[in-house]
C-alpha atoms as a PDB file:
ATOM      1  CA  MET A   1      64.138   2.420   2.589  1.00  0.00           C
ATOM      2  CA  ALA A   2      60.592   1.926   3.812  1.00  0.00           C
ATOM      3  CA  ASP A   3      57.613   3.157   1.823  1.00  0.00           C
ATOM      4  CA  SER A   4      55.807   5.900   3.775  1.00  0.00           C
ATOM      5  CA  SER A   5      52.479   4.638   2.451  1.00  0.00           C
ATOM      6  CA  GLU A   6      53.041   1.390   4.373  1.00  0.00           C
ATOM      7  CA  PHE A   7      53.650   3.031   7.762  1.00  0.00           C
ATOM      8  CA  ASN A   8      50.681   3.386  10.109  1.00  0.00           C
ATOM      9  CA  ALA A   9      51.711   5.300  13.233  1.00  0.00           C
ATOM     10  CA  GLU A  10      48.300   4.982  14.876  1.00  0.00           C
ATOM     11  CA  LEU A  11      48.313   1.200  14.453  1.00  0.00           C
ATOM     12  CA  LEU A  12      51.825   0.934  15.874  1.00  0.00           C
ATOM     13  CA  LEU A  13      51.325   3.205  18.897  1.00  0.00           C
ATOM     14  CA  SER A  14      47.972   1.680  19.847  1.00  0.00           C
ATOM     15  CA  HIS A  15      49.265  -1.900  19.711  1.00  0.00           C
ATOM     16  CA  LYS A  16      48.979  -3.777  23.001  1.00  0.00           C
ATOM     17  CA  TYR A  17      51.626  -6.399  23.661  1.00  0.00           C
ATOM     18  CA  PRO A  18      50.475  -9.482  25.574  1.00  0.00           C
ATOM     19  CA  GLU A  19      51.763 -10.104  29.078  1.00  0.00           C
ATOM     20  CA  THR A  20      54.319 -12.891  29.327  1.00  0.00           C
ATOM     21  CA  ILE A  21      55.349 -15.162  32.179  1.00  0.00           C
ATOM     22  CA  TYR A  22      58.986 -16.117  32.739  1.00  0.00           C
ATOM     23  CA  THR A  23      59.570 -18.904  35.254  1.00  0.00           C
ATOM     24  CA  TYR A  24      63.064 -19.875  36.338  1.00  0.00           C
ATOM     25  CA  THR A  25      64.856 -21.994  38.913  1.00  0.00           C
ATOM     26  CA  GLU A  26      68.131 -21.596  40.750  1.00  0.00           C
ATOM     27  CA  ARG A  27      69.664 -23.925  38.160  1.00  0.00           C
ATOM     28  CA  ASP A  28      68.778 -21.413  35.419  1.00  0.00           C
ATOM     29  CA  ALA A  29      70.463 -18.594  37.365  1.00  0.00           C
ATOM     30  CA  VAL A  30      73.612 -20.719  37.776  1.00  0.00           C
ATOM     31  CA  ILE A  31      73.717 -21.702  34.080  1.00  0.00           C
ATOM     32  CA  TYR A  32      73.389 -18.015  33.183  1.00  0.00           C
ATOM     33  CA  ALA A  33      76.241 -17.042  35.539  1.00  0.00           C
ATOM     34  CA  LEU A  34      78.493 -19.684  33.968  1.00  0.00           C
ATOM     35  CA  GLY A  35      77.386 -18.465  30.532  1.00  0.00           C
ATOM     36  CA  VAL A  36      78.734 -14.969  31.245  1.00  0.00           C
ATOM     37  CA  GLY A  37      82.024 -16.309  32.587  1.00  0.00           C
ATOM     38  CA  ALA A  38      81.520 -16.636  36.347  1.00  0.00           C
ATOM     39  CA  CYS A  39      84.319 -18.740  37.887  1.00  0.00           C
ATOM     40  CA  GLY A  40      85.827 -19.095  34.421  1.00  0.00           C
ATOM     41  CA  ARG A  41      89.302 -18.159  35.635  1.00  0.00           C
ATOM     42  CA  SER A  42      89.054 -19.992  38.948  1.00  0.00           C
ATOM     43  CA  ALA A  43      86.477 -22.477  40.190  1.00  0.00           C
ATOM     44  CA  VAL A  44      87.033 -21.186  43.742  1.00  0.00           C
ATOM     45  CA  ASP A  45      86.870 -17.455  42.943  1.00  0.00           C
ATOM     46  CA  VAL A  46      86.053 -15.779  46.262  1.00  0.00           C
ATOM     47  CA  ASP A  47      83.885 -13.113  44.583  1.00  0.00           C
ATOM     48  CA  GLU A  48      81.975 -15.374  42.196  1.00  0.00           C
ATOM     49  CA  LEU A  49      81.478 -18.751  43.864  1.00  0.00           C
ATOM     50  CA  LYS A  50      78.309 -17.377  45.500  1.00  0.00           C
ATOM     51  CA  LEU A  51      76.796 -17.054  42.004  1.00  0.00           C
ATOM     52  CA  VAL A  52      76.986 -20.782  41.335  1.00  0.00           C
ATOM     53  CA  TYR A  53      77.185 -22.508  44.730  1.00  0.00           C
ATOM     54  CA  HIS A  54      75.776 -22.244  48.265  1.00  0.00           C
ATOM     55  CA  GLU A  55      79.060 -21.034  49.682  1.00  0.00           C
ATOM     56  CA  ASN A  56      79.580 -21.081  53.455  1.00  0.00           C
ATOM     57  CA  GLY A  57      76.076 -22.357  54.054  1.00  0.00           C
ATOM     58  CA  GLN A  58      74.295 -19.514  52.226  1.00  0.00           C
ATOM     59  CA  GLN A  59      70.677 -20.473  51.522  1.00  0.00           C
ATOM     60  CA  PHE A  60      70.444 -19.222  47.930  1.00  0.00           C
ATOM     61  CA  VAL A  61      72.837 -18.403  45.128  1.00  0.00           C
ATOM     62  CA  LYS A  62      73.226 -14.714  44.294  1.00  0.00           C
ATOM     63  CA  VAL A  63      71.775 -13.645  40.933  1.00  0.00           C
ATOM     64  CA  LEU A  64      73.529 -11.290  38.541  1.00  0.00           C
ATOM     65  CA  PRO A  65      71.425  -8.201  37.672  1.00  0.00           C
ATOM     66  CA  THR A  66      71.925  -8.787  33.922  1.00  0.00           C
ATOM     67  CA  PHE A  67      70.005 -12.065  34.317  1.00  0.00           C
ATOM     68  CA  SER A  68      66.886  -9.872  34.147  1.00  0.00           C
ATOM     69  CA  ALA A  69      67.486  -9.305  30.424  1.00  0.00           C
ATOM     70  CA  LEU A  70      66.293 -12.889  29.902  1.00  0.00           C
ATOM     71  CA  PHE A  71      62.797 -12.042  31.160  1.00  0.00           C
ATOM     72  CA  SER A  72      61.855 -10.544  27.782  1.00  0.00           C
ATOM     73  CA  LEU A  73      63.128 -13.399  25.591  1.00  0.00           C
ATOM     74  CA  LYS A  74      59.573 -14.294  24.569  1.00  0.00           C
ATOM     75  CA  LEU A  75      59.325 -10.921  22.821  1.00  0.00           C
ATOM     76  CA  MET A  76      61.121 -12.340  19.777  1.00  0.00           C
ATOM     77  CA  PRO A  77      60.233 -16.038  19.487  1.00  0.00           C
ATOM     78  CA  THR A  78      60.815 -15.953  15.715  1.00  0.00           C
ATOM     79  CA  GLY A  79      63.717 -13.481  15.786  1.00  0.00           C
ATOM     80  CA  ALA A  80      61.467 -10.559  14.830  1.00  0.00           C
ATOM     81  CA  LEU A  81      59.798  -7.772  16.788  1.00  0.00           C
ATOM     82  CA  ASP A  82      56.045  -7.374  16.505  1.00  0.00           C
ATOM     83  CA  LEU A  83      55.702  -3.880  15.005  1.00  0.00           C
ATOM     84  CA  PRO A  84      52.263  -3.606  13.362  1.00  0.00           C
ATOM     85  CA  GLY A  85      52.035  -0.792  10.859  1.00  0.00           C
ATOM     86  CA  LEU A  86      55.666  -1.111   9.725  1.00  0.00           C
ATOM     87  CA  GLU A  87      57.159  -3.296   7.014  1.00  0.00           C
ATOM     88  CA  TYR A  88      60.764  -4.339   7.708  1.00  0.00           C
ATOM     89  CA  ASP A  89      63.190  -7.208   7.135  1.00  0.00           C
ATOM     90  CA  PRO A  90      63.824  -8.984  10.479  1.00  0.00           C
ATOM     91  CA  ARG A  91      67.133 -10.317   9.120  1.00  0.00           C
ATOM     92  CA  LEU A  92      68.451  -6.742   9.227  1.00  0.00           C
ATOM     93  CA  LEU A  93      67.603  -6.177  12.899  1.00  0.00           C
ATOM     94  CA  LEU A  94      70.515  -5.295  15.189  1.00  0.00           C
ATOM     95  CA  HIS A  95      70.450  -5.130  18.991  1.00  0.00           C
ATOM     96  CA  GLY A  96      71.770  -1.623  19.600  1.00  0.00           C
ATOM     97  CA  GLN A  97      71.433  -0.891  23.314  1.00  0.00           C
ATOM     98  CA  GLN A  98      70.159  -2.343  26.590  1.00  0.00           C
ATOM     99  CA  TYR A  99      69.061  -0.322  29.606  1.00  0.00           C
ATOM    100  CA  ILE A 100      68.186  -2.025  32.912  1.00  0.00           C
ATOM    101  CA  GLU A 101      66.816  -0.684  36.200  1.00  0.00           C
ATOM    102  CA  ILE A 102      66.946  -2.976  39.241  1.00  0.00           C
ATOM    103  CA  TYR A 103      64.467  -2.136  42.014  1.00  0.00           C
ATOM    104  CA  LYS A 104      65.258  -5.045  44.345  1.00  0.00           C
ATOM    105  CA  PRO A 105      67.724  -7.967  44.244  1.00  0.00           C
ATOM    106  CA  LEU A 106      66.577 -10.704  41.896  1.00  0.00           C
ATOM    107  CA  PRO A 107      65.411 -13.880  43.672  1.00  0.00           C
ATOM    108  CA  SER A 108      67.254 -17.129  42.960  1.00  0.00           C
ATOM    109  CA  ASN A 109      64.058 -18.602  41.528  1.00  0.00           C
ATOM    110  CA  GLY A 110      60.666 -17.253  40.662  1.00  0.00           C
ATOM    111  CA  SER A 111      57.757 -16.721  38.323  1.00  0.00           C
ATOM    112  CA  ILE A 112      57.890 -13.312  36.686  1.00  0.00           C
ATOM    113  CA  ARG A 113      55.003 -11.448  35.042  1.00  0.00           C
ATOM    114  CA  ASN A 114      56.157  -9.111  32.283  1.00  0.00           C
ATOM    115  CA  GLU A 115      54.297  -6.060  30.991  1.00  0.00           C
ATOM    116  CA  VAL A 116      55.597  -5.041  27.567  1.00  0.00           C
ATOM    117  CA  SER A 117      55.172  -1.717  25.765  1.00  0.00           C
ATOM    118  CA  LEU A 118      56.637   0.357  22.966  1.00  0.00           C
ATOM    119  CA  ALA A 119      58.796   2.975  24.699  1.00  0.00           C
ATOM    120  CA  GLY A 120      60.071   4.723  21.585  1.00  0.00           C
ATOM    121  CA  PHE A 121      60.079   4.660  17.798  1.00  0.00           C
ATOM    122  CA  HIS A 122      62.155   6.887  15.527  1.00  0.00           C
ATOM    123  CA  ASP A 123      62.750   7.429  11.808  1.00  0.00           C
ATOM    124  CA  LYS A 124      66.509   7.839  11.227  1.00  0.00           C
ATOM    125  CA  GLY A 125      66.451   7.909   7.433  1.00  0.00           C
ATOM    126  CA  LYS A 126      68.260   4.725   6.478  1.00  0.00           C
ATOM    127  CA  ALA A 127      67.079   2.898   9.583  1.00  0.00           C
ATOM    128  CA  ALA A 128      64.305   2.886  12.148  1.00  0.00           C
ATOM    129  CA  ILE A 129      64.867   2.594  15.887  1.00  0.00           C
ATOM    130  CA  ALA A 130      62.410   0.687  18.080  1.00  0.00           C
ATOM    131  CA  GLU A 131      62.594   0.753  21.882  1.00  0.00           C
ATOM    132  CA  ILE A 132      60.734  -2.029  23.670  1.00  0.00           C
ATOM    133  CA  GLU A 133      60.243  -1.767  27.426  1.00  0.00           C
ATOM    134  CA  THR A 134      59.568  -4.704  29.737  1.00  0.00           C
ATOM    135  CA  ARG A 135      58.518  -4.145  33.336  1.00  0.00           C
ATOM    136  CA  SER A 136      58.882  -7.319  35.388  1.00  0.00           C
ATOM    137  CA  TYR A 137      56.855  -8.153  38.502  1.00  0.00           C
ATOM    138  CA  GLU A 138      56.998 -11.060  40.938  1.00  0.00           C
ATOM    139  CA  LYS A 139      53.879 -13.005  40.036  1.00  0.00           C
ATOM    140  CA  GLU A 140      52.899 -13.898  43.611  1.00  0.00           C
ATOM    141  CA  SER A 141      53.555 -10.623  45.419  1.00  0.00           C
ATOM    142  CA  GLY A 142      53.002  -8.285  42.479  1.00  0.00           C
ATOM    143  CA  GLU A 143      56.172  -6.418  43.465  1.00  0.00           C
ATOM    144  CA  LEU A 144      58.061  -4.624  40.689  1.00  0.00           C
ATOM    145  CA  LEU A 145      61.520  -6.186  40.331  1.00  0.00           C
ATOM    146  CA  CYS A 146      63.129  -4.524  37.341  1.00  0.00           C
ATOM    147  CA  MET A 147      62.731  -2.826  33.984  1.00  0.00           C
ATOM    148  CA  ASN A 148      64.524  -3.621  30.723  1.00  0.00           C
ATOM    149  CA  ARG A 149      64.493  -1.387  27.653  1.00  0.00           C
ATOM    150  CA  MET A 150      65.867  -2.940  24.510  1.00  0.00           C
ATOM    151  CA  THR A 151      66.786  -0.746  21.539  1.00  0.00           C
ATOM    152  CA  ALA A 152      66.675  -2.362  18.107  1.00  0.00           C
ATOM    153  CA  PHE A 153      68.083  -0.855  14.899  1.00  0.00           C
ATOM    154  CA  LEU A 154      66.003  -1.889  11.894  1.00  0.00           C
ATOM    155  CA  ARG A 155      68.292  -1.405   8.919  1.00  0.00           C
ATOM    156  CA  GLY A 156      66.533  -0.348   5.733  1.00  0.00           C
ATOM    157  CA  ALA A 157      63.287   0.470   7.556  1.00  0.00           C
ATOM    158  CA  GLY A 158      63.749   4.236   7.859  1.00  0.00           C
ATOM    159  CA  GLY A 159      62.485   6.992   5.582  1.00  0.00           C
ATOM    160  CA  PHE A 160      58.832   6.211   6.276  1.00  0.00           C
ATOM    161  CA  SER A 161      57.830   9.622   7.661  1.00  0.00           C
ATOM    162  CA  LYS A 162      54.896  11.215   5.857  1.00  0.00           C
ATOM    163  CA  SER A 163      55.979  14.773   6.671  1.00  0.00           C
ATOM    164  CA  SER A 164      59.202  16.778   6.438  1.00  0.00           C
ATOM    165  CA  GLN A 165      59.737  16.271  10.176  1.00  0.00           C
ATOM    166  CA  PRO A 166      61.060  12.717  10.817  1.00  0.00           C
ATOM    167  CA  PHE A 167      58.667  10.695  12.966  1.00  0.00           C
ATOM    168  CA  SER A 168      59.860  10.369  16.579  1.00  0.00           C
ATOM    169  CA  TYR A 169      57.994   9.007  19.594  1.00  0.00           C
ATOM    170  CA  SER A 170      59.255   8.461  23.141  1.00  0.00           C
ATOM    171  CA  ASN A 171      57.396   7.949  26.421  1.00  0.00           C
ATOM    172  CA  TYR A 172      60.307   8.315  28.856  1.00  0.00           C
ATOM    173  CA  PRO A 173      62.487  11.289  29.907  1.00  0.00           C
ATOM    174  CA  LYS A 174      65.175  12.136  27.352  1.00  0.00           C
ATOM    175  CA  ASN A 175      67.809  12.530  30.074  1.00  0.00           C
ATOM    176  CA  GLN A 176      67.124   9.093  31.579  1.00  0.00           C
ATOM    177  CA  VAL A 177      69.919   7.433  29.587  1.00  0.00           C
ATOM    178  CA  PRO A 178      72.494  10.144  28.848  1.00  0.00           C
ATOM    179  CA  ALA A 179      75.194   9.614  26.262  1.00  0.00           C
ATOM    180  CA  VAL A 180      78.387   8.355  27.847  1.00  0.00           C
ATOM    181  CA  LYS A 181      81.683  10.050  27.159  1.00  0.00           C
ATOM    182  CA  ILE A 182      84.662   7.822  27.893  1.00  0.00           C
ATOM    183  CA  PRO A 183      87.218   9.718  30.034  1.00  0.00           C
ATOM    184  CA  LYS A 184      90.685  10.309  28.624  1.00  0.00           C
ATOM    185  CA  THR A 185      92.269   9.666  32.024  1.00  0.00           C
ATOM    186  CA  GLN A 186      93.689   6.321  33.116  1.00  0.00           C
ATOM    187  CA  PRO A 187      90.956   3.861  34.175  1.00  0.00           C
ATOM    188  CA  PHE A 188      90.277   3.382  37.877  1.00  0.00           C
ATOM    189  CA  LYS A 189      90.211  -0.389  37.324  1.00  0.00           C
ATOM    190  CA  VAL A 190      90.992  -2.706  34.408  1.00  0.00           C
ATOM    191  CA  PHE A 191      89.861  -6.318  34.265  1.00  0.00           C
ATOM    192  CA  GLU A 192      90.886  -8.838  31.613  1.00  0.00           C
ATOM    193  CA  ASP A 193      88.852 -11.974  31.062  1.00  0.00           C
ATOM    194  CA  SER A 194      88.847 -14.656  28.375  1.00  0.00           C
ATOM    195  CA  THR A 195      85.736 -15.956  26.699  1.00  0.00           C
ATOM    196  CA  GLN A 196      85.857 -19.640  25.797  1.00  0.00           C
ATOM    197  CA  PRO A 197      85.539 -20.980  22.220  1.00  0.00           C
ATOM    198  CA  SER A 198      82.300 -22.631  23.402  1.00  0.00           C
ATOM    199  CA  GLN A 199      81.019 -19.506  25.224  1.00  0.00           C
ATOM    200  CA  ALA A 200      78.100 -18.815  22.874  1.00  0.00           C
ATOM    201  CA  LEU A 201      77.041 -22.476  22.976  1.00  0.00           C
ATOM    202  CA  LEU A 202      76.925 -22.289  26.771  1.00  0.00           C
ATOM    203  CA  TYR A 203      75.166 -18.904  26.865  1.00  0.00           C
ATOM    204  CA  ARG A 204      72.459 -20.041  24.427  1.00  0.00           C
ATOM    205  CA  LEU A 205      71.290 -22.535  27.076  1.00  0.00           C
ATOM    206  CA  SER A 206      69.792 -19.501  28.831  1.00  0.00           C
ATOM    207  CA  GLY A 207      67.219 -19.246  26.045  1.00  0.00           C
ATOM    208  CA  ASP A 208      68.604 -17.245  23.106  1.00  0.00           C
ATOM    209  CA  TYR A 209      68.790 -19.832  20.343  1.00  0.00           C
ATOM    210  CA  ASN A 210      69.479 -17.487  17.418  1.00  0.00           C
ATOM    211  CA  PRO A 211      71.582 -19.641  15.024  1.00  0.00           C
ATOM    212  CA  LEU A 212      73.835 -16.656  14.327  1.00  0.00           C
ATOM    213  CA  HIS A 213      75.604 -17.664  17.546  1.00  0.00           C
ATOM    214  CA  SER A 214      75.932 -21.377  16.819  1.00  0.00           C
ATOM    215  CA  ASP A 215      75.592 -22.201  13.101  1.00  0.00           C
ATOM    216  CA  PRO A 216      78.696 -21.499  10.943  1.00  0.00           C
ATOM    217  CA  MET A 217      76.670 -21.271   7.726  1.00  0.00           C
ATOM    218  CA  VAL A 218      74.186 -18.766   9.181  1.00  0.00           C
ATOM    219  CA  ALA A 219      77.095 -16.683  10.499  1.00  0.00           C
ATOM    220  CA  LYS A 220      78.751 -16.619   7.048  1.00  0.00           C
ATOM    221  CA  VAL A 221      75.529 -15.503   5.363  1.00  0.00           C
ATOM    222  CA  ALA A 222      75.375 -12.660   7.922  1.00  0.00           C
ATOM    223  CA  GLY A 223      78.926 -11.606   7.016  1.00  0.00           C
ATOM    224  CA  PHE A 224      80.945 -13.150   9.846  1.00  0.00           C
ATOM    225  CA  SER A 225      83.764 -15.658   9.553  1.00  0.00           C
ATOM    226  CA  ARG A 226      82.211 -17.791  12.302  1.00  0.00           C
ATOM    227  CA  PRO A 227      79.396 -17.596  14.905  1.00  0.00           C
ATOM    228  CA  ILE A 228      79.566 -14.531  17.126  1.00  0.00           C
ATOM    229  CA  LEU A 229      78.927 -14.046  20.823  1.00  0.00           C
ATOM    230  CA  HIS A 230      75.523 -12.769  21.954  1.00  0.00           C
ATOM    231  CA  GLY A 231      75.645  -9.028  22.720  1.00  0.00           C
ATOM    232  CA  LEU A 232      73.915  -9.630  26.055  1.00  0.00           C
ATOM    233  CA  CYS A 233      76.620 -12.163  26.911  1.00  0.00           C
ATOM    234  CA  THR A 234      79.262  -9.489  26.331  1.00  0.00           C
ATOM    235  CA  LEU A 235      77.242  -7.134  28.563  1.00  0.00           C
ATOM    236  CA  GLY A 236      77.123  -9.857  31.217  1.00  0.00           C
ATOM    237  CA  PHE A 237      80.921 -10.195  31.118  1.00  0.00           C
ATOM    238  CA  ALA A 238      81.421  -6.420  31.496  1.00  0.00           C
ATOM    239  CA  VAL A 239      78.937  -5.969  34.354  1.00  0.00           C
ATOM    240  CA  ARG A 240      80.362  -9.010  36.134  1.00  0.00           C
ATOM    241  CA  ALA A 241      83.819  -7.387  35.883  1.00  0.00           C
ATOM    242  CA  ILE A 242      82.426  -4.212  37.488  1.00  0.00           C
ATOM    243  CA  ILE A 243      80.764  -6.218  40.278  1.00  0.00           C
ATOM    244  CA  LYS A 244      84.054  -7.991  40.949  1.00  0.00           C
ATOM    245  CA  CYS A 245      86.343  -4.940  40.830  1.00  0.00           C
ATOM    246  CA  ILE A 246      84.130  -2.128  42.155  1.00  0.00           C
ATOM    247  CA  CYS A 247      81.404  -3.884  44.164  1.00  0.00           C
ATOM    248  CA  ARG A 248      83.727  -6.437  45.779  1.00  0.00           C
ATOM    249  CA  GLY A 249      81.564  -9.246  44.422  1.00  0.00           C
ATOM    250  CA  ASP A 250      78.198  -7.938  45.671  1.00  0.00           C
ATOM    251  CA  PRO A 251      75.660  -7.872  42.775  1.00  0.00           C
ATOM    252  CA  ASP A 252      73.036  -6.239  45.009  1.00  0.00           C
ATOM    253  CA  MET A 253      74.940  -2.937  44.777  1.00  0.00           C
ATOM    254  CA  VAL A 254      73.876  -2.454  41.141  1.00  0.00           C
ATOM    255  CA  LYS A 255      71.037   0.007  40.534  1.00  0.00           C
ATOM    256  CA  ASN A 256      71.025   0.774  36.783  1.00  0.00           C
ATOM    257  CA  ILE A 257      72.867  -0.617  33.753  1.00  0.00           C
ATOM    258  CA  SER A 258      73.293   0.918  30.322  1.00  0.00           C
ATOM    259  CA  GLY A 259      75.160  -0.744  27.476  1.00  0.00           C
ATOM    260  CA  ARG A 260      75.649   0.227  23.846  1.00  0.00           C
ATOM    261  CA  PHE A 261      76.735  -2.564  21.504  1.00  0.00           C
ATOM    262  CA  LEU A 262      79.420  -1.303  19.125  1.00  0.00           C
ATOM    263  CA  LEU A 263      81.009  -4.364  17.538  1.00  0.00           C
ATOM    264  CA  HIS A 264      80.766  -8.153  17.558  1.00  0.00           C
ATOM    265  CA  VAL A 265      82.876 -10.517  19.678  1.00  0.00           C
ATOM    266  CA  TYR A 266      84.060 -13.936  18.548  1.00  0.00           C
ATOM    267  CA  PRO A 267      83.913 -16.687  21.189  1.00  0.00           C
ATOM    268  CA  GLY A 268      87.452 -17.362  22.419  1.00  0.00           C
ATOM    269  CA  GLU A 269      88.537 -13.723  22.315  1.00  0.00           C
ATOM    270  CA  ALA A 270      89.730 -11.917  25.455  1.00  0.00           C
ATOM    271  CA  LEU A 271      87.689  -9.011  26.830  1.00  0.00           C
ATOM    272  CA  ILE A 272      89.317  -6.081  28.609  1.00  0.00           C
ATOM    273  CA  THR A 273      86.868  -4.002  30.669  1.00  0.00           C
ATOM    274  CA  GLU A 274      88.090  -0.513  31.602  1.00  0.00           C
ATOM    275  CA  MET A 275      86.270   1.316  34.425  1.00  0.00           C
ATOM    276  CA  TRP A 276      86.147   4.927  35.628  1.00  0.00           C
ATOM    277  CA  LEU A 277      84.431   6.127  38.818  1.00  0.00           C
ATOM    278  CA  ASP A 278      82.223   9.230  38.701  1.00  0.00           C
ATOM    279  CA  GLY A 279      80.578   9.401  42.122  1.00  0.00           C
ATOM    280  CA  THR A 280      78.430   6.261  42.324  1.00  0.00           C
ATOM    281  CA  ARG A 281      78.465   5.844  38.542  1.00  0.00           C
ATOM    282  CA  VAL A 282      80.915   3.502  36.842  1.00  0.00           C
ATOM    283  CA  ILE A 283      81.634   4.465  33.238  1.00  0.00           C
ATOM    284  CA  TYR A 284      83.037   1.542  31.297  1.00  0.00           C
ATOM    285  CA  GLN A 285      84.101   0.241  27.938  1.00  0.00           C
ATOM    286  CA  ALA A 286      84.972  -3.285  26.880  1.00  0.00           C
ATOM    287  CA  LYS A 287      87.592  -4.048  24.247  1.00  0.00           C
ATOM    288  CA  VAL A 288      88.561  -7.180  22.370  1.00  0.00           C
ATOM    289  CA  LYS A 289      92.235  -7.683  23.136  1.00  0.00           C
ATOM    290  CA  GLU A 290      93.137  -9.534  19.932  1.00  0.00           C
ATOM    291  CA  ARG A 291      91.723  -6.832  17.620  1.00  0.00           C
ATOM    292  CA  ASN A 292      92.102  -3.832  19.965  1.00  0.00           C
ATOM    293  CA  ARG A 293      88.559  -2.745  19.153  1.00  0.00           C
ATOM    294  CA  THR A 294      85.932  -1.348  21.512  1.00  0.00           C
ATOM    295  CA  VAL A 295      82.869  -3.587  21.413  1.00  0.00           C
ATOM    296  CA  LEU A 296      80.710  -2.183  24.235  1.00  0.00           C
ATOM    297  CA  SER A 297      80.410   0.995  26.294  1.00  0.00           C
ATOM    298  CA  GLY A 298      78.059   2.395  28.885  1.00  0.00           C
ATOM    299  CA  PHE A 299      77.589   2.999  32.598  1.00  0.00           C
ATOM    300  CA  VAL A 300      76.518   1.201  35.756  1.00  0.00           C
ATOM    301  CA  ASP A 301      74.931   3.186  38.598  1.00  0.00           C
ATOM    302  CA  LEU A 302      75.468   1.809  42.101  1.00  0.00           C
ATOM    303  CA  ASN A 303      73.370   2.127  45.237  1.00  0.00           C
ATOM    304  CA  ARG A 304      76.572   2.780  47.178  1.00  0.00           C
ATOM    305  CA  LEU A 305      80.313   2.313  46.944  1.00  0.00           C
ATOM    306  CA  ALA A 306      82.130  -0.525  48.655  1.00  0.00           C
ATOM    307  CA  SER A 307      83.759   0.684  51.874  1.00  0.00           C
ATOM    308  CA  SER A 308      87.052  -0.941  50.917  1.00  0.00           C
ATOM    309  CA  LEU A 309      87.523   1.074  47.702  1.00  0.00           C
END
């Protein structure tokens, strides 16, 4: 538990994060799509070929909305978040949630300027919760493309509040990301997909080189029998399933994405994504078939529903 004498709220809240630039090519978008399983079941998948190939003469590949989560990779070059005024062990950091807003379809290549800020910080007793927001703009036009908000659980860093009221700061509406309740009815759609034993090694080519996902010894020290899949890769699999089943393969229909990471996935395990429609919102959960455990849940808001549903 953190020592309250070490916590400096003023220092933390006044900290200015530097702008970052993320430049990518169409090749990067294709490698990402393959990393989250596109065309993994069929190399001629009618819904997914457009993500990796100029099908039928199309000029550019389509880009998955979850690709935008890569824009903030430079936030943690050493595996730790920059949180001045707080002492914590970066080895105990867990990626808890990811929230994404898409304002226009992502281009197949570009140079992105990222503005980073602390969106929330909370004392939860045994842990602290940090919410880092990244707003991403096209560098040339200045147009806002998307926003990512990453929630990190810092185990052992809570209990730092200097008053009886636990410290809590947030700069966005509380109802922006409501808690999702999974319906007890039968899912509207169910999609089963298999990750490959090499899935994490492929996904890491998109820029997340944390050895937890590739080094057996590091994984064992962290308490896992072998390297685990990146949480954002699991999110990519689930959102891709929704795009395939609900959006009829059109990634431009996605407006908002929310995902809560509940449990790890081992590369090679099968993922079952269950989906429920609530207006233009898709509530979902992803399960590992082999262990029958829910590993991810959340919602995806759509701009519209496919006419063929």
